[in-house]
Amino acid sequence: MAGTKASDAVTDETFMTLLRRHRLARGLTQTALAKRLKLKTPSTISYWESGQSLPSPQWIPKLARVLGVDAMELTRIIEPQSSNPGADAK
């Protein structure tokens, strides 16, 4: 696409696909990731990966640390999606 910046390519990936890709790359199940984040239930990870919900800002640094990604990368992806709730929900 003409005029597309390299930084725009980052936002082409949705949060749910990025989360799943990084979780699987680290060999983590949804349950294992939930435990590392000290979540009460792994269903939260399932909701995030299915696009039913997005993490609140408090989770961004924790997710970034556990997944080994830059928190700003997660923020850049989440912000456009959170301004259009339900855009990825089915």
N, C-alpha and C. Protein backbone atom coordinates (compact mmCIF):
# COMPACT_ATOMS: atom_id res chain seq x y z
N MET A 1 0.85 -1.17 0.00
CA MET A 1 0.00 0.00 0.00
C MET A 1 0.90 1.23 0.00
N ALA A 2 0.66 2.14 -0.91
CA ALA A 2 1.48 3.34 -1.01
C ALA A 2 1.28 4.22 0.21
N GLY A 3 2.37 4.79 0.68
CA GLY A 3 2.28 5.72 1.80
C GLY A 3 2.23 5.05 3.16
N THR A 4 2.31 3.74 3.19
CA THR A 4 2.28 3.04 4.47
C THR A 4 3.64 3.14 5.13
N LYS A 5 3.67 3.59 6.36
CA LYS A 5 4.91 3.70 7.12
C LYS A 5 5.18 2.37 7.81
N ALA A 6 6.44 2.16 8.15
CA ALA A 6 6.80 0.94 8.87
C ALA A 6 6.03 0.84 10.17
N SER A 7 5.81 1.97 10.84
CA SER A 7 5.08 1.93 12.11
C SER A 7 3.62 1.54 11.91
N ASP A 8 3.06 1.81 10.71
CA ASP A 8 1.69 1.41 10.42
C ASP A 8 1.55 -0.10 10.36
N ALA A 9 2.62 -0.78 9.95
CA ALA A 9 2.57 -2.23 9.83
C ALA A 9 2.33 -2.87 11.18
N VAL A 10 2.82 -2.26 12.25
CA VAL A 10 2.62 -2.80 13.59
C VAL A 10 1.14 -2.85 13.92
N THR A 11 0.39 -1.84 13.53
CA THR A 11 -1.02 -1.78 13.88
C THR A 11 -1.88 -2.67 13.00
N ASP A 12 -1.30 -3.27 11.95
CA ASP A 12 -2.06 -4.18 11.11
C ASP A 12 -2.42 -5.46 11.88
N GLU A 13 -1.65 -5.78 12.89
CA GLU A 13 -1.92 -6.96 13.69
C GLU A 13 -2.84 -6.56 14.84
N THR A 14 -3.87 -7.34 15.07
CA THR A 14 -4.78 -7.04 16.17
C THR A 14 -4.15 -7.49 17.48
N PHE A 15 -4.65 -6.95 18.56
CA PHE A 15 -4.14 -7.34 19.87
C PHE A 15 -4.33 -8.84 20.07
N MET A 16 -5.49 -9.37 19.68
CA MET A 16 -5.75 -10.78 19.95
C MET A 16 -4.78 -11.69 19.20
N THR A 17 -4.41 -11.34 17.97
CA THR A 17 -3.46 -12.18 17.25
C THR A 17 -2.04 -12.02 17.81
N LEU A 18 -1.69 -10.80 18.19
CA LEU A 18 -0.38 -10.58 18.79
C LEU A 18 -0.24 -11.34 20.10
N LEU A 19 -1.25 -11.27 20.94
CA LEU A 19 -1.22 -11.96 22.23
C LEU A 19 -1.06 -13.46 22.02
N ARG A 20 -1.87 -14.02 21.16
CA ARG A 20 -1.81 -15.46 20.92
C ARG A 20 -0.45 -15.86 20.34
N ARG A 21 0.04 -15.11 19.37
CA ARG A 21 1.32 -15.42 18.74
C ARG A 21 2.45 -15.41 19.77
N HIS A 22 2.51 -14.39 20.60
CA HIS A 22 3.58 -14.31 21.60
C HIS A 22 3.40 -15.35 22.71
N ARG A 23 2.17 -15.63 23.08
CA ARG A 23 1.93 -16.65 24.10
C ARG A 23 2.42 -18.01 23.61
N LEU A 24 2.04 -18.35 22.39
CA LEU A 24 2.44 -19.64 21.83
C LEU A 24 3.95 -19.71 21.59
N ALA A 25 4.55 -18.59 21.18
CA ALA A 25 6.00 -18.56 20.96
C ALA A 25 6.77 -18.85 22.24
N ARG A 26 6.16 -18.54 23.37
CA ARG A 26 6.80 -18.80 24.66
C ARG A 26 6.36 -20.13 25.26
N GLY A 27 5.57 -20.87 24.50
CA GLY A 27 5.15 -22.19 24.96
C GLY A 27 4.17 -22.16 26.12
N LEU A 28 3.42 -21.07 26.22
CA LEU A 28 2.47 -20.92 27.33
C LEU A 28 1.05 -21.27 26.90
N THR A 29 0.37 -21.99 27.77
CA THR A 29 -1.06 -22.17 27.57
C THR A 29 -1.77 -20.93 28.11
N GLN A 30 -3.04 -20.81 27.83
CA GLN A 30 -3.80 -19.70 28.40
C GLN A 30 -3.77 -19.77 29.92
N THR A 31 -3.86 -20.97 30.46
CA THR A 31 -3.83 -21.17 31.91
C THR A 31 -2.48 -20.74 32.48
N ALA A 32 -1.39 -21.13 31.83
CA ALA A 32 -0.05 -20.77 32.31
C ALA A 32 0.15 -19.25 32.27
N LEU A 33 -0.32 -18.61 31.20
CA LEU A 33 -0.19 -17.16 31.11
C LEU A 33 -1.02 -16.50 32.21
N ALA A 34 -2.21 -16.98 32.43
CA ALA A 34 -3.07 -16.43 33.49
C ALA A 34 -2.39 -16.56 34.85
N LYS A 35 -1.76 -17.68 35.10
CA LYS A 35 -1.06 -17.88 36.37
C LYS A 35 0.10 -16.90 36.51
N ARG A 36 0.85 -16.70 35.44
CA ARG A 36 1.99 -15.76 35.50
C ARG A 36 1.51 -14.33 35.74
N LEU A 37 0.32 -14.03 35.24
CA LEU A 37 -0.24 -12.68 35.43
C LEU A 37 -1.00 -12.57 36.75
N LYS A 38 -1.13 -13.71 37.44
CA LYS A 38 -1.87 -13.78 38.71
C LYS A 38 -3.34 -13.41 38.52
N LEU A 39 -3.91 -13.89 37.41
CA LEU A 39 -5.34 -13.73 37.15
C LEU A 39 -6.09 -14.82 37.89
N LYS A 40 -7.31 -14.54 38.26
CA LYS A 40 -8.10 -15.54 38.98
C LYS A 40 -8.54 -16.68 38.07
N THR A 41 -8.73 -16.37 36.78
CA THR A 41 -9.22 -17.38 35.85
C THR A 41 -8.58 -17.21 34.47
N PRO A 42 -8.29 -18.32 33.80
CA PRO A 42 -7.71 -18.23 32.46
C PRO A 42 -8.72 -17.75 31.41
N SER A 43 -9.98 -17.68 31.77
CA SER A 43 -10.97 -17.22 30.79
C SER A 43 -10.70 -15.78 30.36
N THR A 44 -10.03 -15.00 31.19
CA THR A 44 -9.68 -13.64 30.82
C THR A 44 -8.78 -13.65 29.58
N ILE A 45 -7.80 -14.55 29.56
CA ILE A 45 -6.91 -14.67 28.40
C ILE A 45 -7.74 -15.08 27.18
N SER A 46 -8.65 -15.99 27.37
CA SER A 46 -9.52 -16.42 26.27
C SER A 46 -10.33 -15.26 25.72
N TYR A 47 -10.88 -14.43 26.60
CA TYR A 47 -11.63 -13.25 26.16
C TYR A 47 -10.75 -12.30 25.36
N TRP A 48 -9.53 -12.08 25.83
CA TRP A 48 -8.61 -11.19 25.13
C TRP A 48 -8.25 -11.74 23.77
N GLU A 49 -7.98 -13.06 23.70
CA GLU A 49 -7.56 -13.68 22.44
C GLU A 49 -8.70 -13.81 21.44
N SER A 50 -9.92 -13.84 21.92
CA SER A 50 -11.06 -13.96 21.01
C SER A 50 -11.61 -12.59 20.60
N GLY A 51 -11.08 -11.54 21.19
CA GLY A 51 -11.55 -10.20 20.86
C GLY A 51 -12.81 -9.79 21.59
N GLN A 52 -13.24 -10.59 22.57
CA GLN A 52 -14.44 -10.26 23.34
C GLN A 52 -14.19 -9.08 24.28
N SER A 53 -12.94 -8.90 24.67
CA SER A 53 -12.58 -7.77 25.53
C SER A 53 -11.11 -7.46 25.33
N LEU A 54 -10.72 -6.31 25.82
CA LEU A 54 -9.32 -5.89 25.79
C LEU A 54 -8.85 -5.66 27.22
N PRO A 55 -7.57 -5.86 27.46
CA PRO A 55 -7.06 -5.64 28.82
C PRO A 55 -7.11 -4.17 29.19
N SER A 56 -7.33 -3.91 30.47
CA SER A 56 -7.27 -2.53 30.95
C SER A 56 -5.80 -2.11 31.00
N PRO A 57 -5.56 -0.81 31.02
CA PRO A 57 -4.18 -0.31 30.98
C PRO A 57 -3.26 -0.89 32.05
N GLN A 58 -3.79 -1.26 33.19
CA GLN A 58 -2.95 -1.81 34.26
C GLN A 58 -2.26 -3.11 33.85
N TRP A 59 -2.83 -3.83 32.88
CA TRP A 59 -2.28 -5.11 32.47
C TRP A 59 -1.18 -4.98 31.41
N ILE A 60 -1.07 -3.84 30.76
CA ILE A 60 -0.11 -3.70 29.66
C ILE A 60 1.33 -3.97 30.10
N PRO A 61 1.83 -3.33 31.17
CA PRO A 61 3.22 -3.61 31.57
C PRO A 61 3.43 -5.07 31.99
N LYS A 62 2.44 -5.64 32.64
CA LYS A 62 2.55 -7.03 33.08
C LYS A 62 2.60 -7.97 31.89
N LEU A 63 1.70 -7.75 30.92
CA LEU A 63 1.68 -8.57 29.71
C LEU A 63 3.00 -8.43 28.95
N ALA A 64 3.46 -7.21 28.81
CA ALA A 64 4.70 -6.96 28.08
C ALA A 64 5.86 -7.71 28.72
N ARG A 65 5.93 -7.66 30.04
CA ARG A 65 7.02 -8.33 30.76
C ARG A 65 6.96 -9.84 30.55
N VAL A 66 5.79 -10.43 30.73
CA VAL A 66 5.65 -11.88 30.63
C VAL A 66 5.88 -12.35 29.19
N LEU A 67 5.39 -11.57 28.22
CA LEU A 67 5.51 -11.99 26.82
C LEU A 67 6.82 -11.55 26.17
N GLY A 68 7.58 -10.71 26.87
CA GLY A 68 8.84 -10.26 26.32
C GLY A 68 8.68 -9.31 25.14
N VAL A 69 7.64 -8.47 25.20
CA VAL A 69 7.42 -7.49 24.14
C VAL A 69 7.45 -6.08 24.73
N ASP A 70 7.55 -5.12 23.87
CA ASP A 70 7.57 -3.72 24.28
C ASP A 70 6.16 -3.28 24.66
N ALA A 71 6.01 -2.66 25.82
CA ALA A 71 4.70 -2.19 26.27
C ALA A 71 4.10 -1.19 25.29
N MET A 72 4.94 -0.38 24.66
CA MET A 72 4.43 0.58 23.69
C MET A 72 3.84 -0.11 22.46
N GLU A 73 4.41 -1.25 22.09
CA GLU A 73 3.86 -2.02 20.96
C GLU A 73 2.43 -2.47 21.30
N LEU A 74 2.25 -2.97 22.51
CA LEU A 74 0.91 -3.39 22.94
C LEU A 74 -0.04 -2.20 22.98
N THR A 75 0.42 -1.09 23.50
CA THR A 75 -0.41 0.11 23.61
C THR A 75 -0.84 0.60 22.24
N ARG A 76 0.10 0.63 21.28
CA ARG A 76 -0.23 1.09 19.92
C ARG A 76 -1.31 0.22 19.29
N ILE A 77 -1.32 -1.05 19.62
CA ILE A 77 -2.30 -1.95 19.04
C ILE A 77 -3.63 -1.84 19.77
N ILE A 78 -3.60 -1.73 21.08
CA ILE A 78 -4.83 -1.70 21.87
C ILE A 78 -5.59 -0.39 21.71
N GLU A 79 -4.90 0.74 21.69
CA GLU A 79 -5.59 2.03 21.66
C GLU A 79 -6.58 2.17 20.51
N PRO A 80 -6.21 1.88 19.25
CA PRO A 80 -7.21 2.02 18.18
C PRO A 80 -8.39 1.07 18.36
N GLN A 81 -8.14 -0.13 18.89
CA GLN A 81 -9.21 -1.10 19.08
C GLN A 81 -10.13 -0.68 20.22
N SER A 82 -9.59 -0.08 21.26
CA SER A 82 -10.42 0.30 22.40
C SER A 82 -11.29 1.52 22.07
N SER A 83 -10.87 2.31 21.06
CA SER A 83 -11.70 3.44 20.68
C SER A 83 -12.86 3.01 19.80
N ASN A 84 -12.82 1.76 19.34
CA ASN A 84 -13.89 1.22 18.53
C ASN A 84 -14.30 -0.13 19.11
N PRO A 85 -14.94 -0.13 20.29
CA PRO A 85 -15.28 -1.38 20.96
C PRO A 85 -16.18 -2.24 20.08
N GLY A 86 -15.88 -3.53 20.08
CA GLY A 86 -16.69 -4.45 19.30
C GLY A 86 -16.23 -4.56 17.87
N ALA A 87 -15.19 -3.83 17.47
CA ALA A 87 -14.71 -3.87 16.10
C ALA A 87 -14.25 -5.28 15.74
N ASP A 88 -13.62 -5.97 16.68
CA ASP A 88 -13.15 -7.31 16.42
C ASP A 88 -14.03 -8.38 17.06
N ALA A 89 -14.99 -7.97 17.84
CA ALA A 89 -15.86 -8.94 18.52
C ALA A 89 -16.82 -9.54 17.51
N LYS A 90 -17.14 -10.80 17.74
CA LYS A 90 -18.06 -11.50 16.82
C LYS A 90 -19.37 -11.74 17.50
